[in-house]
Amino acid sequence: VVQPTPEEAFWGAGKVESYKCQNCGKKT
């Protein structure tokens, strides 16, 4: 879990789940 950006927090995102791609390795 990562910290929300100000924009995400504005829309009530108390937490942001972080995921890693099994193919390209980038984070979503």
PDB file of all heavy atoms in Angstrom:
ATOM      1  N   VAL A   1       0.855  -1.191   0.000  1.00  0.00           N
ATOM      2  CA  VAL A   1       0.000   0.000   0.000  1.00  0.00           C
ATOM      3  C   VAL A   1       0.882   1.229   0.000  1.00  0.00           C
ATOM      4  O   VAL A   1       1.887   1.284   0.719  1.00  0.00           O
ATOM      5  CB  VAL A   1      -0.924   0.009   1.235  1.00  0.00           C
ATOM      6  CG1 VAL A   1      -1.786   1.266   1.259  1.00  0.00           C
ATOM      7  CG2 VAL A   1      -1.808  -1.230   1.253  1.00  0.00           C
ATOM      8  N   VAL A   2       0.530   2.230  -0.816  1.00  0.00           N
ATOM      9  CA  VAL A   2       1.306   3.470  -0.912  1.00  0.00           C
ATOM     10  C   VAL A   2       0.416   4.652  -0.549  1.00  0.00           C
ATOM     11  O   VAL A   2      -0.813   4.543  -0.504  1.00  0.00           O
ATOM     12  CB  VAL A   2       1.901   3.648  -2.322  1.00  0.00           C
ATOM     13  CG1 VAL A   2       2.888   2.536  -2.630  1.00  0.00           C
ATOM     14  CG2 VAL A   2       0.805   3.688  -3.386  1.00  0.00           C
ATOM     15  N   GLN A   3       1.045   5.788  -0.313  1.00  0.00           N
ATOM     16  CA  GLN A   3       0.316   6.999   0.046  1.00  0.00           C
ATOM     17  C   GLN A   3      -0.441   7.559  -1.158  1.00  0.00           C
ATOM     18  O   GLN A   3       0.075   7.549  -2.276  1.00  0.00           O
ATOM     19  CB  GLN A   3       1.285   8.057   0.571  1.00  0.00           C
ATOM     20  CG  GLN A   3       1.840   7.754   1.954  1.00  0.00           C
ATOM     21  CD  GLN A   3       0.757   7.753   3.010  1.00  0.00           C
ATOM     22  OE1 GLN A   3      -0.102   8.633   3.051  1.00  0.00           O
ATOM     23  NE2 GLN A   3       0.786   6.748   3.876  1.00  0.00           N
ATOM     24  N   PRO A   4      -1.653   8.054  -0.951  1.00  0.00           N
ATOM     25  CA  PRO A   4      -2.389   8.663  -2.067  1.00  0.00           C
ATOM     26  C   PRO A   4      -1.809  10.014  -2.464  1.00  0.00           C
ATOM     27  O   PRO A   4      -1.226  10.721  -1.634  1.00  0.00           O
ATOM     28  CB  PRO A   4      -3.799   8.826  -1.494  1.00  0.00           C
ATOM     29  CG  PRO A   4      -3.607   8.916  -0.016  1.00  0.00           C
ATOM     30  CD  PRO A   4      -2.423   8.041   0.296  1.00  0.00           C
ATOM     31  N   THR A   5      -1.947  10.353  -3.737  1.00  0.00           N
ATOM     32  CA  THR A   5      -1.588  11.688  -4.195  1.00  0.00           C
ATOM     33  C   THR A   5      -2.647  12.668  -3.703  1.00  0.00           C
ATOM     34  O   THR A   5      -3.732  12.254  -3.268  1.00  0.00           O
ATOM     35  CB  THR A   5      -1.527  11.722  -5.724  1.00  0.00           C
ATOM     36  OG1 THR A   5      -2.857  11.493  -6.244  1.00  0.00           O
ATOM     37  CG2 THR A   5      -0.571  10.672  -6.268  1.00  0.00           C
ATOM     38  N   PRO A   6      -2.377  13.978  -3.753  1.00  0.00           N
ATOM     39  CA  PRO A   6      -3.408  14.944  -3.343  1.00  0.00           C
ATOM     40  C   PRO A   6      -4.717  14.776  -4.120  1.00  0.00           C
ATOM     41  O   PRO A   6      -5.798  14.907  -3.546  1.00  0.00           O
ATOM     42  CB  PRO A   6      -2.742  16.296  -3.647  1.00  0.00           C
ATOM     43  CG  PRO A   6      -1.279  16.032  -3.497  1.00  0.00           C
ATOM     44  CD  PRO A   6      -1.079  14.642  -4.019  1.00  0.00           C
ATOM     45  N   GLU A   7      -4.613  14.466  -5.415  1.00  0.00           N
ATOM     46  CA  GLU A   7      -5.813  14.263  -6.222  1.00  0.00           C
ATOM     47  C   GLU A   7      -6.593  13.039  -5.745  1.00  0.00           C
ATOM     48  O   GLU A   7      -7.820  13.069  -5.621  1.00  0.00           O
ATOM     49  CB  GLU A   7      -5.418  14.086  -7.695  1.00  0.00           C
ATOM     50  CG  GLU A   7      -6.548  13.693  -8.631  1.00  0.00           C
ATOM     51  CD  GLU A   7      -7.554  14.802  -8.884  1.00  0.00           C
ATOM     52  OE1 GLU A   7      -7.266  15.959  -8.511  1.00  0.00           O
ATOM     53  OE2 GLU A   7      -8.613  14.516  -9.461  1.00  0.00           O
ATOM     54  N   GLU A   8      -5.882  11.956  -5.474  1.00  0.00           N
ATOM     55  CA  GLU A   8      -6.526  10.732  -5.008  1.00  0.00           C
ATOM     56  C   GLU A   8      -7.146  10.948  -3.630  1.00  0.00           C
ATOM     57  O   GLU A   8      -8.269  10.489  -3.360  1.00  0.00           O
ATOM     58  CB  GLU A   8      -5.510   9.591  -4.969  1.00  0.00           C
ATOM     59  CG  GLU A   8      -5.064   9.146  -6.354  1.00  0.00           C
ATOM     60  CD  GLU A   8      -3.803   8.284  -6.321  1.00  0.00           C
ATOM     61  OE1 GLU A   8      -3.088   8.310  -5.288  1.00  0.00           O
ATOM     62  OE2 GLU A   8      -3.527   7.595  -7.321  1.00  0.00           O
ATOM     63  N   ALA A   9      -6.439  11.657  -2.766  1.00  0.00           N
ATOM     64  CA  ALA A   9      -6.956  11.930  -1.424  1.00  0.00           C
ATOM     65  C   ALA A   9      -8.194  12.817  -1.484  1.00  0.00           C
ATOM     66  O   ALA A   9      -9.117  12.666  -0.681  1.00  0.00           O
ATOM     67  CB  ALA A   9      -5.878  12.589  -0.570  1.00  0.00           C
ATOM     68  N   PHE A  10      -8.223  13.730  -2.446  1.00  0.00           N
ATOM     69  CA  PHE A  10      -9.386  14.607  -2.597  1.00  0.00           C
ATOM     70  C   PHE A  10     -10.652  13.801  -2.856  1.00  0.00           C
ATOM     71  O   PHE A  10     -11.731  14.152  -2.391  1.00  0.00           O
ATOM     72  CB  PHE A  10      -9.150  15.589  -3.752  1.00  0.00           C
ATOM     73  CG  PHE A  10     -10.325  16.490  -4.023  1.00  0.00           C
ATOM     74  CD1 PHE A  10     -10.561  17.604  -3.241  1.00  0.00           C
ATOM     75  CD2 PHE A  10     -11.211  16.212  -5.061  1.00  0.00           C
ATOM     76  CE1 PHE A  10     -11.659  18.425  -3.479  1.00  0.00           C
ATOM     77  CE2 PHE A  10     -12.308  17.023  -5.308  1.00  0.00           C
ATOM     78  CZ  PHE A  10     -12.522  18.141  -4.507  1.00  0.00           C
ATOM     79  N   TRP A  11     -10.510  12.699  -3.597  1.00  0.00           N
ATOM     80  CA  TRP A  11     -11.662  11.848  -3.901  1.00  0.00           C
ATOM     81  C   TRP A  11     -11.810  10.712  -2.903  1.00  0.00           C
ATOM     82  O   TRP A  11     -12.436   9.691  -3.193  1.00  0.00           O
ATOM     83  CB  TRP A  11     -11.567  11.301  -5.328  1.00  0.00           C
ATOM     84  CG  TRP A  11     -11.723  12.359  -6.367  1.00  0.00           C
ATOM     85  CD1 TRP A  11     -10.762  12.842  -7.209  1.00  0.00           C
ATOM     86  CD2 TRP A  11     -12.913  13.096  -6.662  1.00  0.00           C
ATOM     87  NE1 TRP A  11     -11.282  13.826  -8.011  1.00  0.00           N
ATOM     88  CE2 TRP A  11     -12.597  14.004  -7.696  1.00  0.00           C
ATOM     89  CE3 TRP A  11     -14.212  13.086  -6.154  1.00  0.00           C
ATOM     90  CZ2 TRP A  11     -13.539  14.875  -8.236  1.00  0.00           C
ATOM     91  CZ3 TRP A  11     -15.149  13.955  -6.686  1.00  0.00           C
ATOM     92  CH2 TRP A  11     -14.808  14.835  -7.714  1.00  0.00           C
ATOM     93  N   GLY A  12     -11.231  10.886  -1.720  1.00  0.00           N
ATOM     94  CA  GLY A  12     -11.511   9.958  -0.630  1.00  0.00           C
ATOM     95  C   GLY A  12     -10.710   8.683  -0.637  1.00  0.00           C
ATOM     96  O   GLY A  12     -11.087   7.720   0.034  1.00  0.00           O
ATOM     97  N   ALA A  13      -9.612   8.615  -1.397  1.00  0.00           N
ATOM     98  CA  ALA A  13      -8.780   7.412  -1.389  1.00  0.00           C
ATOM     99  C   ALA A  13      -7.906   7.417  -0.143  1.00  0.00           C
ATOM    100  O   ALA A  13      -6.852   8.037  -0.120  1.00  0.00           O
ATOM    101  CB  ALA A  13      -7.923   7.339  -2.659  1.00  0.00           C
ATOM    102  N   GLY A  14      -8.360   6.728   0.920  1.00  0.00           N
ATOM    103  CA  GLY A  14      -7.574   6.653   2.140  1.00  0.00           C
ATOM    104  C   GLY A  14      -6.336   5.808   1.965  1.00  0.00           C
ATOM    105  O   GLY A  14      -5.362   5.955   2.679  1.00  0.00           O
ATOM    106  N   LYS A  15      -6.386   4.892   1.009  1.00  0.00           N
ATOM    107  CA  LYS A  15      -5.208   4.073   0.705  1.00  0.00           C
ATOM    108  C   LYS A  15      -5.161   3.813  -0.789  1.00  0.00           C
ATOM    109  O   LYS A  15      -6.186   3.866  -1.484  1.00  0.00           O
ATOM    110  CB  LYS A  15      -5.226   2.759   1.475  1.00  0.00           C
ATOM    111  CG  LYS A  15      -6.291   1.774   1.002  1.00  0.00           C
ATOM    112  CD  LYS A  15      -6.107   0.430   1.674  1.00  0.00           C
ATOM    113  CE  LYS A  15      -7.125  -0.584   1.168  1.00  0.00           C
ATOM    114  NZ  LYS A  15      -6.932  -1.921   1.740  1.00  0.00           N
ATOM    115  N   VAL A  16      -3.968   3.555  -1.286  1.00  0.00           N
ATOM    116  CA  VAL A  16      -3.756   3.222  -2.692  1.00  0.00           C
ATOM    117  C   VAL A  16      -2.986   1.905  -2.730  1.00  0.00           C
ATOM    118  O   VAL A  16      -1.875   1.814  -2.213  1.00  0.00           O
ATOM    119  CB  VAL A  16      -2.961   4.316  -3.434  1.00  0.00           C
ATOM    120  CG1 VAL A  16      -2.694   3.893  -4.879  1.00  0.00           C
ATOM    121  CG2 VAL A  16      -3.725   5.639  -3.388  1.00  0.00           C
ATOM    122  N   GLU A  17      -3.587   0.895  -3.315  1.00  0.00           N
ATOM    123  CA  GLU A  17      -2.923  -0.403  -3.449  1.00  0.00           C
ATOM    124  C   GLU A  17      -1.941  -0.352  -4.609  1.00  0.00           C
ATOM    125  O   GLU A  17      -2.245   0.216  -5.665  1.00  0.00           O
ATOM    126  CB  GLU A  17      -3.955  -1.509  -3.668  1.00  0.00           C
ATOM    127  CG  GLU A  17      -4.930  -1.637  -2.522  1.00  0.00           C
ATOM    128  CD  GLU A  17      -6.086  -2.580  -2.824  1.00  0.00           C
ATOM    129  OE1 GLU A  17      -6.155  -3.098  -3.959  1.00  0.00           O
ATOM    130  OE2 GLU A  17      -6.927  -2.777  -1.933  1.00  0.00           O
ATOM    131  N   SER A  18      -0.787  -0.946  -4.415  1.00  0.00           N
ATOM    132  CA  SER A  18       0.249  -0.957  -5.450  1.00  0.00           C
ATOM    133  C   SER A  18       0.423  -2.378  -5.974  1.00  0.00           C
ATOM    134  O   SER A  18       0.496  -3.335  -5.195  1.00  0.00           O
ATOM    135  CB  SER A  18       1.572  -0.444  -4.879  1.00  0.00           C
ATOM    136  OG  SER A  18       2.562  -0.395  -5.886  1.00  0.00           O
ATOM    137  N   TYR A  19       0.475  -2.503  -7.301  1.00  0.00           N
ATOM    138  CA  TYR A  19       0.596  -3.802  -7.954  1.00  0.00           C
ATOM    139  C   TYR A  19       1.749  -3.776  -8.951  1.00  0.00           C
ATOM    140  O   TYR A  19       2.051  -2.741  -9.542  1.00  0.00           O
ATOM    141  CB  TYR A  19      -0.704  -4.172  -8.685  1.00  0.00           C
ATOM    142  CG  TYR A  19      -1.862  -4.408  -7.750  1.00  0.00           C
ATOM    143  CD1 TYR A  19      -2.621  -3.337  -7.263  1.00  0.00           C
ATOM    144  CD2 TYR A  19      -2.200  -5.689  -7.333  1.00  0.00           C
ATOM    145  CE1 TYR A  19      -3.677  -3.544  -6.389  1.00  0.00           C
ATOM    146  CE2 TYR A  19      -3.258  -5.902  -6.451  1.00  0.00           C
ATOM    147  CZ  TYR A  19      -3.986  -4.838  -5.991  1.00  0.00           C
ATOM    148  OH  TYR A  19      -5.022  -5.042  -5.119  1.00  0.00           O
ATOM    149  N   LYS A  20       2.373  -4.935  -9.127  1.00  0.00           N
ATOM    150  CA  LYS A  20       3.499  -5.064 -10.050  1.00  0.00           C
ATOM    151  C   LYS A  20       3.122  -6.007 -11.182  1.00  0.00           C
ATOM    152  O   LYS A  20       2.541  -7.065 -10.946  1.00  0.00           O
ATOM    153  CB  LYS A  20       4.736  -5.588  -9.312  1.00  0.00           C
ATOM    154  CG  LYS A  20       6.027  -5.525 -10.126  1.00  0.00           C
ATOM    155  CD  LYS A  20       7.216  -5.901  -9.250  1.00  0.00           C
ATOM    156  CE  LYS A  20       8.529  -5.791 -10.022  1.00  0.00           C
ATOM    157  NZ  LYS A  20       9.690  -6.142  -9.161  1.00  0.00           N
ATOM    158  N   CYS A  21       3.458  -5.630 -12.403  1.00  0.00           N
ATOM    159  CA  CYS A  21       3.101  -6.421 -13.580  1.00  0.00           C
ATOM    160  C   CYS A  21       3.958  -7.683 -13.652  1.00  0.00           C
ATOM    161  O   CYS A  21       5.181  -7.638 -13.468  1.00  0.00           O
ATOM    162  CB  CYS A  21       3.277  -5.592 -14.852  1.00  0.00           C
ATOM    163  SG  CYS A  21       2.846  -6.502 -16.359  1.00  0.00           S
ATOM    164  N   GLN A  22       3.331  -8.819 -13.939  1.00  0.00           N
ATOM    165  CA  GLN A  22       4.059 -10.070 -14.089  1.00  0.00           C
ATOM    166  C   GLN A  22       4.849 -10.120 -15.390  1.00  0.00           C
ATOM    167  O   GLN A  22       5.744 -10.934 -15.544  1.00  0.00           O
ATOM    168  CB  GLN A  22       3.077 -11.250 -14.046  1.00  0.00           C
ATOM    169  CG  GLN A  22       2.343 -11.391 -12.719  1.00  0.00           C
ATOM    170  CD  GLN A  22       1.343 -12.514 -12.731  1.00  0.00           C
ATOM    171  OE1 GLN A  22       1.147 -13.190 -13.734  1.00  0.00           O
ATOM    172  NE2 GLN A  22       0.688 -12.739 -11.600  1.00  0.00           N
ATOM    173  N   ASN A  23       4.485  -9.220 -16.332  1.00  0.00           N
ATOM    174  CA  ASN A  23       5.122  -9.240 -17.651  1.00  0.00           C
ATOM    175  C   ASN A  23       6.210  -8.175 -17.778  1.00  0.00           C
ATOM    176  O   ASN A  23       7.386  -8.487 -17.947  1.00  0.00           O
ATOM    177  CB  ASN A  23       4.061  -9.062 -18.738  1.00  0.00           C
ATOM    178  CG  ASN A  23       4.644  -9.086 -20.137  1.00  0.00           C
ATOM    179  OD1 ASN A  23       5.598  -9.816 -20.403  1.00  0.00           O
ATOM    180  ND2 ASN A  23       4.082  -8.293 -21.030  1.00  0.00           N
ATOM    181  N   CYS A  24       5.819  -6.898 -17.669  1.00  0.00           N
ATOM    182  CA  CYS A  24       6.786  -5.815 -17.903  1.00  0.00           C
ATOM    183  C   CYS A  24       7.430  -5.298 -16.617  1.00  0.00           C
ATOM    184  O   CYS A  24       8.395  -4.533 -16.669  1.00  0.00           O
ATOM    185  CB  CYS A  24       6.108  -4.658 -18.642  1.00  0.00           C
ATOM    186  SG  CYS A  24       4.874  -3.756 -17.671  1.00  0.00           S
ATOM    187  N   GLY A  25       6.907  -5.693 -15.450  1.00  0.00           N
ATOM    188  CA  GLY A  25       7.510  -5.300 -14.182  1.00  0.00           C
ATOM    189  C   GLY A  25       7.143  -3.913 -13.701  1.00  0.00           C
ATOM    190  O   GLY A  25       7.576  -3.499 -12.618  1.00  0.00           O
ATOM    191  N   LYS A  26       6.341  -3.179 -14.466  1.00  0.00           N
ATOM    192  CA  LYS A  26       5.967  -1.825 -14.046  1.00  0.00           C
ATOM    193  C   LYS A  26       4.871  -1.877 -12.980  1.00  0.00           C
ATOM    194  O   LYS A  26       4.143  -2.858 -12.855  1.00  0.00           O
ATOM    195  CB  LYS A  26       5.504  -1.004 -15.245  1.00  0.00           C
ATOM    196  CG  LYS A  26       6.624  -0.716 -16.244  1.00  0.00           C
ATOM    197  CD  LYS A  26       6.134   0.186 -17.366  1.00  0.00           C
ATOM    198  CE  LYS A  26       7.264   0.525 -18.340  1.00  0.00           C
ATOM    199  NZ  LYS A  26       6.815   1.387 -19.448  1.00  0.00           N
ATOM    200  N   LYS A  27       4.763  -0.773 -12.210  1.00  0.00           N
ATOM    201  CA  LYS A  27       3.814  -0.723 -11.109  1.00  0.00           C
ATOM    202  C   LYS A  27       2.530  -0.001 -11.530  1.00  0.00           C
ATOM    203  O   LYS A  27       2.568   0.972 -12.284  1.00  0.00           O
ATOM    204  CB  LYS A  27       4.437  -0.016  -9.902  1.00  0.00           C
ATOM    205  CG  LYS A  27       5.623  -0.769  -9.306  1.00  0.00           C
ATOM    206  CD  LYS A  27       6.219  -0.016  -8.139  1.00  0.00           C
ATOM    207  CE  LYS A  27       7.429  -0.769  -7.574  1.00  0.00           C
ATOM    208  NZ  LYS A  27       8.048  -0.041  -6.450  1.00  0.00           N
ATOM    209  N   THR A  28       1.429  -0.501 -11.023  1.00  0.00           N
ATOM    210  CA  THR A  28       0.114   0.084 -11.283  1.00  0.00           C
ATOM    211  C   THR A  28      -0.535   0.455  -9.961  1.00  0.00           C
ATOM    212  O   THR A  28      -0.536  -0.344  -9.018  1.00  0.00           O
ATOM    213  CB  THR A  28      -0.787  -0.906 -12.045  1.00  0.00           C
ATOM    214  OG1 THR A  28      -0.249  -1.138 -13.347  1.00  0.00           O
ATOM    215  CG2 THR A  28      -2.204  -0.363 -12.186  1.00  0.00           C
TER     216      THR A  28
END
